Amino acid sequence: MIFDLYDEGDVRIVRDAFKGKMVGLTSGSFDMFHVAHEQYLQCCRRHCGHEGILIVGVDSDHLIRQRKGKKRPIIPESDRLQSVAGRKGVAAAFILGTVDDFGRAAEILGIKFIFKNQEYEKIAVLGAELPGVELVIVPDFQRTESTTALIEKVLKTHTK
């Protein structure tokens, strides 16, 4: 299910659909989706328990450009959103338009778990301060290169 975090009707549908469930929230760029992305999402989903659900915020093109430079993302946000929303174990997905959207989602969606990778281990995570919310740091999956490393490898191998 794809929803708009700023559409009250969409948010109501999501809250009602997942009421009483253990709801987990994570986010990411998911540019050039690869096996480490899949492993990360499946790890988050498993932590929610058998009856739990996972909601994923997909970083907007604007947010990615701010963090990774003007040549990113490679894949547009609408395509990345559809790719993530269609993954096994992902119950719902939305576009994170601003950094503050993550905290907003945690607050209005009744989140129990917030999942972040190890780079957030010593950084304050929006929404983690909410009562009843548990921050879970998911270990990095080292067997696969990051999207940035994959892009650099392709450029090095296929350009002169």
Protein backbone atom coordinates (compact mmCIF):
# COMPACT_ATOMS: atom_id res chain seq x y z
CA MET A 1 0.00 0.00 0.00
CA ILE A 2 1.34 3.41 -0.98
CA PHE A 3 0.06 6.39 0.97
CA ASP A 4 0.62 10.12 1.35
CA LEU A 5 1.76 11.09 4.85
CA TYR A 6 0.05 14.49 4.46
CA ASP A 7 -3.30 13.13 3.30
CA GLU A 8 -5.53 12.70 6.38
CA GLY A 9 -7.69 10.14 4.59
CA ASP A 10 -4.67 8.03 3.63
CA VAL A 11 -3.27 8.20 7.16
CA ARG A 12 -6.63 7.19 8.65
CA ILE A 13 -6.81 4.17 6.31
CA VAL A 14 -3.29 3.08 7.28
CA ARG A 15 -3.92 3.54 11.02
CA ASP A 16 -7.22 1.65 10.85
CA ALA A 17 -5.76 -1.17 8.75
CA PHE A 18 -2.94 -1.79 11.21
CA LYS A 19 -4.67 -1.00 14.49
CA GLY A 20 -3.60 -3.40 17.25
CA LYS A 21 -0.56 -4.64 15.29
CA MET A 22 3.10 -4.29 16.20
CA VAL A 23 4.05 -1.58 13.71
CA GLY A 24 7.66 -0.98 12.70
CA LEU A 25 8.96 2.03 10.78
CA THR A 26 12.14 2.47 8.80
CA SER A 27 13.33 4.61 5.93
CA GLY A 28 16.02 4.87 3.31
CA SER A 29 16.95 5.96 -0.18
CA PHE A 30 16.60 2.51 -1.78
CA ASP A 31 18.26 3.82 -4.93
CA MET A 32 19.17 0.92 -7.24
CA PHE A 33 17.56 -1.64 -4.92
CA HIS A 34 19.98 -4.48 -4.12
CA VAL A 35 20.28 -7.53 -1.89
CA ALA A 36 21.45 -5.59 1.18
CA HIS A 37 18.29 -3.47 0.96
CA GLU A 38 16.21 -6.67 0.86
CA GLN A 39 18.11 -8.18 3.80
CA TYR A 40 17.65 -5.00 5.82
CA LEU A 41 13.89 -4.82 5.18
CA GLN A 42 13.41 -8.52 5.98
CA CYS A 43 15.35 -8.13 9.23
CA CYS A 44 13.14 -5.18 10.21
CA ARG A 45 9.99 -7.09 9.31
CA ARG A 46 11.00 -10.18 11.32
CA HIS A 47 11.58 -8.01 14.38
CA CYS A 48 7.94 -6.85 14.20
CA GLY A 49 6.80 -10.40 14.97
CA HIS A 50 4.47 -12.80 13.18
CA GLU A 51 1.46 -10.49 13.24
CA GLY A 52 3.43 -7.26 13.00
CA ILE A 53 3.81 -5.00 9.99
CA LEU A 54 6.52 -2.83 8.48
CA ILE A 55 5.99 0.68 7.10
CA VAL A 56 8.80 2.20 5.02
CA GLY A 57 9.55 5.83 4.26
CA VAL A 58 11.35 6.27 0.93
CA ASP A 59 13.58 9.34 0.76
CA SER A 60 12.47 11.92 -1.79
CA ASP A 61 14.73 12.84 -4.69
CA HIS A 62 15.31 16.20 -2.97
CA LEU A 63 16.49 14.60 0.30
CA ILE A 64 18.87 12.29 -1.55
CA ARG A 65 20.36 15.17 -3.55
CA GLN A 66 20.95 17.07 -0.31
CA ARG A 67 22.82 14.13 1.23
CA LYS A 68 24.53 12.48 -1.73
CA GLY A 69 24.94 15.17 -4.36
CA LYS A 70 23.23 16.44 -7.50
CA LYS A 71 23.87 13.27 -9.54
CA ARG A 72 21.70 11.17 -7.24
CA PRO A 73 19.33 9.49 -7.11
CA ILE A 74 19.68 7.28 -10.17
CA ILE A 75 16.11 5.95 -9.88
CA PRO A 76 13.26 8.52 -9.47
CA GLU A 77 11.32 8.57 -6.18
CA SER A 78 8.07 7.30 -7.71
CA ASP A 79 9.83 4.19 -9.06
CA ARG A 80 11.72 3.61 -5.81
CA LEU A 81 8.47 3.97 -3.85
CA GLN A 82 6.71 1.37 -6.01
CA SER A 83 9.67 -1.00 -5.76
CA VAL A 84 9.77 -0.81 -1.96
CA ALA A 85 5.98 -0.97 -1.52
CA GLY A 86 5.89 -4.16 -3.61
CA ARG A 87 8.47 -5.99 -1.50
CA LYS A 88 7.47 -9.00 0.54
CA GLY A 89 7.09 -7.94 4.14
CA VAL A 90 6.45 -4.26 3.43
CA ALA A 91 2.86 -3.43 4.38
CA ALA A 92 2.92 0.25 3.41
CA ALA A 93 5.29 2.86 2.03
CA PHE A 94 5.34 6.63 1.62
CA ILE A 95 7.67 9.38 0.41
CA LEU A 96 9.74 11.17 3.04
CA GLY A 97 9.71 14.71 1.72
CA THR A 98 11.63 16.23 4.63
CA VAL A 99 13.81 14.98 7.47
CA ASP A 100 10.98 15.85 9.88
CA ASP A 101 8.56 13.52 8.08
CA PHE A 102 10.09 10.49 9.82
CA GLY A 103 9.21 11.84 13.27
CA ARG A 104 5.77 12.84 12.01
CA ALA A 105 5.15 9.31 10.71
CA ALA A 106 6.27 7.76 14.00
CA GLU A 107 3.92 10.02 15.92
CA ILE A 108 0.76 9.69 13.83
CA LEU A 109 1.00 6.02 12.79
CA GLY A 110 1.20 4.39 16.22
CA ILE A 111 4.71 3.01 15.77
CA LYS A 112 6.15 0.46 18.23
CA PHE A 113 9.58 -0.02 16.61
CA ILE A 114 11.86 2.34 14.73
CA PHE A 115 14.56 0.61 12.71
CA LYS A 116 17.79 2.29 11.64
CA ASN A 117 21.13 1.02 10.43
CA GLN A 118 24.37 1.30 12.38
CA GLU A 119 25.23 4.77 11.11
CA TYR A 120 22.42 6.03 13.38
CA GLU A 121 23.76 4.30 16.50
CA LYS A 122 24.99 7.55 18.07
CA ILE A 123 22.61 9.98 16.37
CA ALA A 124 19.28 11.15 17.78
CA VAL A 125 16.49 9.59 15.71
CA LEU A 126 13.25 11.54 15.30
CA GLY A 127 10.35 9.63 16.84
CA ALA A 128 12.51 7.46 19.10
CA GLU A 129 11.69 9.74 22.04
CA LEU A 130 7.96 8.96 21.81
CA PRO A 131 6.46 6.93 24.68
CA GLY A 132 6.35 3.20 23.93
CA VAL A 133 8.65 3.44 20.90
CA GLU A 134 11.73 1.20 20.80
CA LEU A 135 14.72 2.14 18.63
CA VAL A 136 16.27 -0.96 17.05
CA ILE A 137 19.70 -0.66 15.41
CA VAL A 138 19.95 -3.19 12.58
CA PRO A 139 23.47 -4.47 11.89
CA ASP A 140 24.92 -3.60 8.50
CA PHE A 141 25.02 -6.39 5.94
CA GLN A 142 28.67 -6.37 4.86
CA ARG A 143 28.43 -8.96 2.09
CA THR A 144 27.10 -6.41 -0.37
CA GLU A 145 28.46 -3.06 -1.49
CA SER A 146 26.45 0.10 -0.91
CA THR A 147 24.61 1.74 -3.80
CA THR A 148 27.26 4.47 -3.89
CA ALA A 149 30.05 1.86 -4.08
CA LEU A 150 28.19 0.00 -6.84
CA ILE A 151 27.80 3.21 -8.88
CA GLU A 152 31.51 4.00 -8.47
CA LYS A 153 32.42 0.46 -9.54
CA VAL A 154 30.26 0.68 -12.67
CA LEU A 155 31.73 4.07 -13.60
CA LYS A 156 35.29 2.86 -13.05
CA THR A 157 34.74 -0.35 -15.01
CA HIS A 158 32.71 1.04 -17.91
CA THR A 159 34.16 4.50 -18.54
CA LYS A 160 37.55 5.59 -19.76
